[in-house]
Amino acid sequence: TIRDIFEDVVKKYKTIHVLINNGAISRFNKSVYDITLNEFDEVMDVNLRGSFICSQEFIKANQNESYGRIVNIASTRFNQNEAGWESY
């Protein structure tokens, strides 16, 4: 799990200074009315929930440090309208 990975990293390196959230999926080339709830949940789990859990674990691991940065990478897809990609 993500939590296990953070525990392993802290054990090995003692501290984490920077977290870069860059995980995302966009493989559902479907209209909104065609995407299933399971597909929607998968996108939300990877694109939002994954970054949230990583940020949460980073903050826990970094709470006694004087320096730390979280960088969230976002897609530019919001301004690249294309038929069939609305669900992303």
Protein backbone atom coordinates (compact mmCIF):
# COMPACT_ATOMS: atom_id res chain seq x y z
CA THR A 1 0.00 0.00 0.00
CA ILE A 2 0.98 3.64 -0.20
CA ARG A 3 1.32 3.72 3.59
CA ASP A 4 3.72 0.77 3.53
CA ILE A 5 5.88 2.47 0.90
CA PHE A 6 6.14 5.63 2.98
CA GLU A 7 7.07 3.59 6.06
CA ASP A 8 9.81 1.82 4.08
CA VAL A 9 11.18 5.10 2.71
CA VAL A 10 11.27 6.72 6.17
CA LYS A 11 12.99 3.65 7.65
CA LYS A 12 15.64 3.73 4.93
CA TYR A 13 16.22 7.49 4.50
CA LYS A 14 14.89 8.90 7.82
CA THR A 15 13.21 11.89 6.18
CA ILE A 16 11.40 12.94 3.02
CA HIS A 17 11.82 16.49 1.76
CA VAL A 18 9.73 16.56 -1.42
CA LEU A 19 6.64 14.77 -2.69
CA ILE A 20 5.69 14.98 -6.35
CA ASN A 21 2.15 13.80 -7.07
CA ASN A 22 2.10 12.89 -10.75
CA GLY A 23 0.06 9.69 -10.99
CA ALA A 24 -2.93 9.75 -13.32
CA ILE A 25 -4.86 7.64 -15.78
CA SER A 26 -6.94 8.78 -18.75
CA ARG A 27 -7.63 5.67 -20.76
CA PHE A 28 -11.41 5.99 -20.94
CA ASN A 29 -12.15 7.52 -24.31
CA LYS A 30 -15.89 7.61 -23.69
CA SER A 31 -18.66 10.12 -23.36
CA VAL A 32 -19.90 10.85 -19.86
CA TYR A 33 -23.11 8.91 -20.44
CA ASP A 34 -21.13 5.79 -21.52
CA ILE A 35 -18.64 5.55 -18.67
CA THR A 36 -19.56 3.14 -15.88
CA LEU A 37 -19.41 4.02 -12.20
CA ASN A 38 -16.59 1.51 -11.76
CA GLU A 39 -14.56 3.23 -14.48
CA PHE A 40 -15.28 6.63 -12.96
CA ASP A 41 -14.26 5.35 -9.50
CA GLU A 42 -11.01 3.97 -10.92
CA VAL A 43 -10.11 7.37 -12.41
CA MET A 44 -10.98 9.15 -9.15
CA ASP A 45 -9.04 6.61 -7.07
CA VAL A 46 -5.86 7.06 -9.09
CA ASN A 47 -6.07 10.74 -10.03
CA LEU A 48 -7.42 12.20 -6.77
CA ARG A 49 -7.42 9.68 -3.96
CA GLY A 50 -3.87 8.53 -4.68
CA SER A 51 -2.53 12.08 -4.47
CA PHE A 52 -4.53 12.71 -1.30
CA ILE A 53 -3.19 9.60 0.45
CA CYS A 54 0.39 10.36 -0.65
CA SER A 55 0.07 13.93 0.64
CA GLN A 56 -1.38 12.70 3.92
CA GLU A 57 1.46 10.21 4.42
CA PHE A 58 4.07 12.79 3.43
CA ILE A 59 2.72 15.25 6.01
CA LYS A 60 2.78 12.54 8.70
CA ALA A 61 6.35 11.60 7.82
CA ASN A 62 7.46 15.23 7.63
CA GLN A 63 5.66 16.71 10.64
CA ASN A 64 8.82 17.15 12.74
CA GLU A 65 10.93 18.53 9.90
CA SER A 66 11.61 22.18 9.17
CA TYR A 67 11.37 21.77 5.39
CA GLY A 68 9.00 20.01 3.04
CA ARG A 69 7.31 20.62 -0.26
CA ILE A 70 4.40 18.97 -2.08
CA VAL A 71 4.23 19.45 -5.85
CA ASN A 72 0.97 18.46 -7.54
CA ILE A 73 1.18 17.94 -11.28
CA ALA A 74 -2.09 18.64 -13.08
CA SER A 75 -3.23 17.86 -16.57
CA THR A 76 -3.68 20.50 -19.24
CA ARG A 77 -6.60 18.48 -20.55
CA PHE A 78 -9.06 20.98 -19.09
CA ASN A 79 -8.42 23.29 -22.01
CA GLN A 80 -8.04 20.64 -24.71
CA ASN A 81 -11.64 19.80 -25.49
CA GLU A 82 -12.01 16.73 -27.64
CA ALA A 83 -15.10 14.64 -28.33
CA GLY A 84 -15.22 11.45 -26.30
CA TRP A 85 -12.85 12.56 -23.52
CA GLU A 86 -15.39 14.34 -21.32
CA SER A 87 -15.20 11.65 -18.65
CA TYR A 88 -11.51 12.39 -18.08
